[in-house]
């Protein structure tokens, strides 16, 4: 993540950049390869998580955005843009772990 000062109020916002292999859209782009760091179009992030072929952004507002090889979130096999994970709206997420083809979320009680 890159911290940057934005606007006249000097707000700190976290932006996520990705590069490398993007065969499954895991970098939030339609390109098969992203050769240089590219800004991923998503709201400000508080944390990022990566699996083998998928990625997750936890936004500052607590929303989970997923992209890449994520069959549970789409009728398509790959999603090349950040898509909200509707199954966990409004949850207080403590941690996320991603594996090869799976993910886990630890929620506060």
N, C-alpha and C. Protein backbone atom coordinates (compact mmCIF):
# COMPACT_ATOMS: atom_id res chain seq x y z
N UNK A 1 0.83 -1.17 0.00
CA UNK A 1 0.00 0.00 0.00
C UNK A 1 0.88 1.23 0.00
N UNK A 2 0.37 2.28 -0.57
CA UNK A 2 1.08 3.53 -0.65
C UNK A 2 0.26 4.56 0.08
N UNK A 3 0.83 5.17 1.10
CA UNK A 3 0.13 6.23 1.81
C UNK A 3 0.37 7.53 1.08
N UNK A 4 -0.70 8.27 0.86
CA UNK A 4 -0.56 9.55 0.19
C UNK A 4 -1.49 10.56 0.84
N UNK A 5 -1.11 11.82 0.77
CA UNK A 5 -1.95 12.90 1.28
C UNK A 5 -2.80 13.38 0.12
N UNK A 6 -4.11 13.47 0.36
CA UNK A 6 -5.03 13.82 -0.70
C UNK A 6 -5.91 14.97 -0.24
N UNK A 7 -6.11 15.97 -1.11
CA UNK A 7 -7.05 17.05 -0.84
C UNK A 7 -6.53 18.08 0.14
N UNK A 8 -7.30 19.14 0.28
CA UNK A 8 -6.88 20.25 1.13
C UNK A 8 -6.94 19.91 2.61
N UNK A 9 -7.70 18.88 2.97
CA UNK A 9 -7.80 18.49 4.37
C UNK A 9 -6.68 17.53 4.77
N UNK A 10 -5.78 17.21 3.85
CA UNK A 10 -4.63 16.35 4.13
C UNK A 10 -5.06 14.99 4.68
N UNK A 11 -6.08 14.42 4.11
CA UNK A 11 -6.55 13.09 4.53
C UNK A 11 -5.53 12.05 4.09
N UNK A 12 -5.30 11.05 4.93
CA UNK A 12 -4.43 9.94 4.54
C UNK A 12 -5.32 8.86 3.97
N UNK A 13 -5.00 8.43 2.77
CA UNK A 13 -5.78 7.40 2.10
C UNK A 13 -4.85 6.31 1.62
N UNK A 14 -5.26 5.10 1.73
CA UNK A 14 -4.44 3.97 1.29
C UNK A 14 -4.91 3.50 -0.07
N UNK A 15 -3.97 3.47 -0.99
CA UNK A 15 -4.24 2.99 -2.35
C UNK A 15 -3.47 1.70 -2.55
N UNK A 16 -4.02 0.82 -3.34
CA UNK A 16 -3.39 -0.48 -3.59
C UNK A 16 -2.92 -0.53 -5.04
N UNK A 17 -1.67 -0.94 -5.22
CA UNK A 17 -1.07 -1.12 -6.54
C UNK A 17 -0.75 -2.60 -6.72
N UNK A 18 -0.86 -3.09 -7.95
CA UNK A 18 -0.54 -4.48 -8.24
C UNK A 18 0.28 -4.60 -9.51
N UNK A 19 1.06 -5.67 -9.60
CA UNK A 19 1.85 -5.97 -10.80
C UNK A 19 2.21 -7.43 -10.81
N UNK A 20 2.55 -7.95 -12.01
CA UNK A 20 2.94 -9.35 -12.17
C UNK A 20 1.92 -10.12 -12.99
N UNK A 21 1.85 -11.43 -12.76
CA UNK A 21 0.92 -12.29 -13.49
C UNK A 21 -0.51 -11.95 -13.09
N UNK A 22 -1.38 -11.86 -14.08
CA UNK A 22 -2.76 -11.48 -13.83
C UNK A 22 -3.72 -12.37 -14.63
N UNK A 23 -3.34 -13.61 -14.83
CA UNK A 23 -4.11 -14.53 -15.66
C UNK A 23 -5.57 -14.65 -15.22
N UNK A 24 -5.82 -14.55 -13.94
CA UNK A 24 -7.17 -14.72 -13.40
C UNK A 24 -7.82 -13.42 -12.94
N UNK A 25 -7.20 -12.28 -13.26
CA UNK A 25 -7.75 -10.99 -12.85
C UNK A 25 -7.43 -10.62 -11.42
N UNK A 26 -6.48 -11.32 -10.80
CA UNK A 26 -6.17 -11.11 -9.38
C UNK A 26 -5.52 -9.76 -9.10
N UNK A 27 -5.16 -9.01 -10.15
CA UNK A 27 -4.60 -7.67 -9.97
C UNK A 27 -5.61 -6.59 -10.34
N UNK A 28 -6.86 -6.98 -10.54
CA UNK A 28 -7.90 -6.01 -10.83
C UNK A 28 -7.80 -5.39 -12.21
N UNK A 29 -7.30 -6.14 -13.17
CA UNK A 29 -7.10 -5.64 -14.52
C UNK A 29 -7.47 -6.73 -15.52
N UNK A 30 -7.73 -6.33 -16.76
CA UNK A 30 -8.03 -7.30 -17.81
C UNK A 30 -6.76 -7.78 -18.52
N UNK A 31 -5.63 -7.13 -18.29
CA UNK A 31 -4.36 -7.52 -18.93
C UNK A 31 -3.86 -8.83 -18.33
N UNK A 32 -3.27 -9.71 -19.17
CA UNK A 32 -2.74 -10.98 -18.69
C UNK A 32 -1.48 -10.78 -17.84
N UNK A 33 -0.70 -9.77 -18.14
CA UNK A 33 0.51 -9.42 -17.39
C UNK A 33 0.47 -7.92 -17.09
N UNK A 34 0.80 -7.56 -15.88
CA UNK A 34 0.92 -6.15 -15.51
C UNK A 34 2.39 -5.94 -15.18
N UNK A 35 3.10 -5.29 -16.08
CA UNK A 35 4.56 -5.20 -15.98
C UNK A 35 5.05 -4.13 -15.02
N UNK A 36 4.24 -3.13 -14.77
CA UNK A 36 4.63 -2.05 -13.85
C UNK A 36 3.52 -1.87 -12.82
N UNK A 37 3.85 -1.38 -11.63
CA UNK A 37 2.79 -1.16 -10.64
C UNK A 37 1.65 -0.33 -11.22
N UNK A 38 0.43 -0.85 -11.02
CA UNK A 38 -0.77 -0.21 -11.55
C UNK A 38 -1.76 -0.04 -10.41
N UNK A 39 -2.37 1.14 -10.32
CA UNK A 39 -3.37 1.41 -9.29
C UNK A 39 -4.58 0.52 -9.50
N UNK A 40 -5.01 -0.17 -8.45
CA UNK A 40 -6.22 -0.98 -8.49
C UNK A 40 -7.38 -0.08 -8.10
N UNK A 41 -8.39 -0.02 -8.94
CA UNK A 41 -9.54 0.85 -8.71
C UNK A 41 -10.39 0.29 -7.57
N UNK A 42 -10.25 0.90 -6.40
CA UNK A 42 -10.99 0.46 -5.22
C UNK A 42 -10.99 1.60 -4.21
N UNK A 43 -11.93 1.60 -3.28
CA UNK A 43 -11.92 2.60 -2.22
C UNK A 43 -10.65 2.46 -1.37
N UNK A 44 -10.35 3.47 -0.53
CA UNK A 44 -9.18 3.39 0.34
C UNK A 44 -9.16 2.09 1.15
N UNK A 45 -7.99 1.48 1.24
CA UNK A 45 -7.85 0.18 1.89
C UNK A 45 -7.24 0.31 3.28
N UNK A 46 -7.69 -0.57 4.19
CA UNK A 46 -7.04 -0.66 5.49
C UNK A 46 -6.11 -1.87 5.54
N UNK A 47 -6.35 -2.85 4.63
CA UNK A 47 -5.47 -4.01 4.57
C UNK A 47 -5.67 -4.73 3.24
N UNK A 48 -4.68 -5.53 2.84
CA UNK A 48 -4.78 -6.32 1.62
C UNK A 48 -4.35 -7.75 1.93
N UNK A 49 -4.91 -8.70 1.17
CA UNK A 49 -4.62 -10.11 1.36
C UNK A 49 -4.53 -10.75 -0.02
N UNK A 50 -3.60 -11.68 -0.18
CA UNK A 50 -3.45 -12.34 -1.48
C UNK A 50 -3.41 -13.85 -1.31
N UNK A 51 -4.07 -14.53 -2.25
CA UNK A 51 -4.01 -15.97 -2.35
C UNK A 51 -3.24 -16.33 -3.60
N UNK A 52 -3.41 -17.55 -4.07
CA UNK A 52 -2.68 -18.00 -5.25
C UNK A 52 -3.15 -17.27 -6.50
N UNK A 53 -4.48 -17.25 -6.73
CA UNK A 53 -5.04 -16.62 -7.91
C UNK A 53 -6.14 -15.63 -7.56
N UNK A 54 -6.14 -15.11 -6.35
CA UNK A 54 -7.17 -14.15 -5.96
C UNK A 54 -6.62 -13.19 -4.92
N UNK A 55 -7.29 -12.06 -4.80
CA UNK A 55 -6.87 -11.02 -3.86
C UNK A 55 -8.10 -10.46 -3.16
N UNK A 56 -7.89 -9.91 -1.97
CA UNK A 56 -8.96 -9.29 -1.19
C UNK A 56 -8.45 -7.97 -0.64
N UNK A 57 -9.28 -6.95 -0.74
CA UNK A 57 -9.00 -5.66 -0.12
C UNK A 57 -10.03 -5.46 0.97
N UNK A 58 -9.58 -5.11 2.17
CA UNK A 58 -10.47 -4.70 3.25
C UNK A 58 -10.44 -3.18 3.24
N UNK A 59 -11.58 -2.55 2.95
CA UNK A 59 -11.62 -1.10 2.84
C UNK A 59 -11.65 -0.46 4.23
N UNK A 60 -11.38 0.84 4.26
CA UNK A 60 -11.43 1.58 5.52
C UNK A 60 -12.81 1.52 6.15
N UNK A 61 -13.85 1.30 5.35
CA UNK A 61 -15.22 1.21 5.84
C UNK A 61 -15.61 -0.21 6.25
N UNK A 62 -14.67 -1.16 6.13
CA UNK A 62 -14.92 -2.53 6.55
C UNK A 62 -15.52 -3.42 5.48
N UNK A 63 -15.60 -2.94 4.25
CA UNK A 63 -16.14 -3.75 3.15
C UNK A 63 -15.04 -4.64 2.58
N UNK A 64 -15.39 -5.87 2.23
CA UNK A 64 -14.45 -6.78 1.58
C UNK A 64 -14.65 -6.72 0.08
N UNK A 65 -13.57 -6.44 -0.65
CA UNK A 65 -13.59 -6.45 -2.10
C UNK A 65 -12.71 -7.58 -2.57
N UNK A 66 -13.23 -8.43 -3.44
CA UNK A 66 -12.49 -9.60 -3.91
C UNK A 66 -12.37 -9.56 -5.42
N UNK A 67 -11.28 -10.14 -5.94
CA UNK A 67 -11.11 -10.26 -7.38
C UNK A 67 -10.13 -11.36 -7.67
N UNK A 68 -10.20 -11.86 -8.92
CA UNK A 68 -9.38 -13.00 -9.32
C UNK A 68 -10.22 -14.25 -9.46
N UNK A 69 -9.63 -15.39 -9.18
CA UNK A 69 -10.28 -16.68 -9.33
C UNK A 69 -11.15 -16.94 -8.10
N UNK A 70 -12.38 -16.43 -8.14
CA UNK A 70 -13.28 -16.48 -6.99
C UNK A 70 -14.66 -16.99 -7.39
N UNK A 71 -14.83 -18.26 -7.67
CA UNK A 71 -16.14 -18.76 -8.11
C UNK A 71 -17.31 -18.41 -7.19
N UNK A 72 -17.15 -18.32 -5.87
CA UNK A 72 -18.32 -18.05 -5.04
C UNK A 72 -18.95 -16.68 -5.26
N UNK A 73 -18.21 -15.72 -5.84
CA UNK A 73 -18.77 -14.37 -5.93
C UNK A 73 -19.34 -14.03 -7.29
N UNK A 74 -19.28 -14.95 -8.23
CA UNK A 74 -19.69 -14.59 -9.58
C UNK A 74 -20.09 -15.83 -10.35
N UNK A 75 -20.91 -15.62 -11.37
CA UNK A 75 -21.21 -16.72 -12.29
C UNK A 75 -20.01 -17.01 -13.17
N UNK A 76 -19.13 -16.01 -13.32
CA UNK A 76 -17.90 -16.21 -14.07
C UNK A 76 -16.88 -16.87 -13.16
N UNK A 77 -15.89 -17.52 -13.75
CA UNK A 77 -14.85 -18.14 -12.93
C UNK A 77 -13.84 -17.11 -12.44
N UNK A 78 -13.56 -16.09 -13.26
CA UNK A 78 -12.62 -15.04 -12.88
C UNK A 78 -13.32 -13.70 -12.84
N UNK A 79 -12.95 -12.87 -11.90
CA UNK A 79 -13.47 -11.51 -11.77
C UNK A 79 -12.29 -10.57 -11.83
N UNK A 80 -12.26 -9.68 -12.85
CA UNK A 80 -11.09 -8.83 -13.07
C UNK A 80 -11.24 -7.42 -12.49
N UNK A 81 -12.18 -7.23 -11.59
CA UNK A 81 -12.33 -5.95 -10.93
C UNK A 81 -12.79 -6.20 -9.48
N UNK A 82 -12.50 -5.25 -8.62
CA UNK A 82 -12.86 -5.40 -7.21
C UNK A 82 -14.39 -5.49 -7.07
N UNK A 83 -14.85 -6.58 -6.47
CA UNK A 83 -16.27 -6.85 -6.30
C UNK A 83 -16.57 -7.08 -4.83
N UNK A 84 -17.59 -6.41 -4.33
CA UNK A 84 -17.95 -6.54 -2.91
C UNK A 84 -18.40 -7.96 -2.61
N UNK A 85 -17.93 -8.48 -1.48
CA UNK A 85 -18.35 -9.80 -1.01
C UNK A 85 -19.61 -9.60 -0.16
N UNK A 86 -20.75 -9.85 -0.76
CA UNK A 86 -22.04 -9.56 -0.15
C UNK A 86 -22.36 -10.43 1.07
N UNK A 87 -21.69 -11.56 1.21
CA UNK A 87 -22.00 -12.48 2.31
C UNK A 87 -21.56 -11.97 3.68
N UNK A 88 -20.68 -10.97 3.73
CA UNK A 88 -20.20 -10.46 5.02
C UNK A 88 -20.41 -8.96 5.18
N UNK A 89 -21.58 -8.42 4.81
CA UNK A 89 -21.76 -6.97 4.94
C UNK A 89 -21.89 -6.56 6.41
N UNK A 90 -21.30 -5.45 6.76
CA UNK A 90 -21.46 -4.91 8.09
C UNK A 90 -20.83 -5.71 9.21
N UNK A 91 -20.01 -6.69 8.89
CA UNK A 91 -19.35 -7.51 9.91
C UNK A 91 -18.08 -6.81 10.38
N UNK A 92 -17.72 -7.01 11.62
CA UNK A 92 -16.49 -6.45 12.16
C UNK A 92 -15.38 -7.48 11.96
N UNK A 93 -14.61 -7.31 10.89
CA UNK A 93 -13.60 -8.28 10.49
C UNK A 93 -12.29 -8.03 11.23
N UNK A 94 -11.79 -9.07 11.90
CA UNK A 94 -10.52 -8.96 12.62
C UNK A 94 -9.35 -9.35 11.75
N UNK A 95 -9.53 -10.40 10.92
CA UNK A 95 -8.42 -10.88 10.11
C UNK A 95 -8.96 -11.70 8.94
N UNK A 96 -8.15 -11.79 7.90
CA UNK A 96 -8.47 -12.59 6.71
C UNK A 96 -7.22 -13.40 6.37
N UNK A 97 -7.40 -14.63 5.96
CA UNK A 97 -6.31 -15.46 5.45
C UNK A 97 -6.78 -16.08 4.15
N UNK A 98 -5.90 -16.07 3.14
CA UNK A 98 -6.22 -16.67 1.86
C UNK A 98 -5.24 -17.79 1.56
N UNK A 99 -5.77 -18.89 1.03
CA UNK A 99 -4.93 -20.00 0.61
C UNK A 99 -4.95 -20.10 -0.90
N UNK A 100 -4.62 -21.28 -1.40
CA UNK A 100 -4.55 -21.49 -2.85
C UNK A 100 -5.89 -21.17 -3.51
N UNK A 101 -6.94 -21.80 -3.04
CA UNK A 101 -8.27 -21.59 -3.63
C UNK A 101 -9.34 -21.41 -2.56
N UNK A 102 -8.96 -20.83 -1.44
CA UNK A 102 -9.93 -20.64 -0.37
C UNK A 102 -9.58 -19.39 0.44
N UNK A 103 -10.53 -18.96 1.25
CA UNK A 103 -10.31 -17.83 2.14
C UNK A 103 -11.05 -18.03 3.44
N UNK A 104 -10.54 -17.42 4.50
CA UNK A 104 -11.17 -17.47 5.82
C UNK A 104 -11.22 -16.07 6.38
N UNK A 105 -12.30 -15.76 7.08
CA UNK A 105 -12.44 -14.46 7.74
C UNK A 105 -12.71 -14.68 9.22
N UNK A 106 -11.96 -13.99 10.07
CA UNK A 106 -12.17 -14.04 11.51
C UNK A 106 -12.95 -12.77 11.89
N UNK A 107 -14.15 -12.98 12.45
CA UNK A 107 -15.02 -11.87 12.80
C UNK A 107 -15.06 -11.68 14.31
N UNK A 108 -15.21 -10.44 14.73
CA UNK A 108 -15.40 -10.19 16.16
C UNK A 108 -16.79 -10.70 16.55
N UNK A 109 -16.91 -11.23 17.79
CA UNK A 109 -18.22 -11.75 18.22
C UNK A 109 -19.26 -10.67 18.33
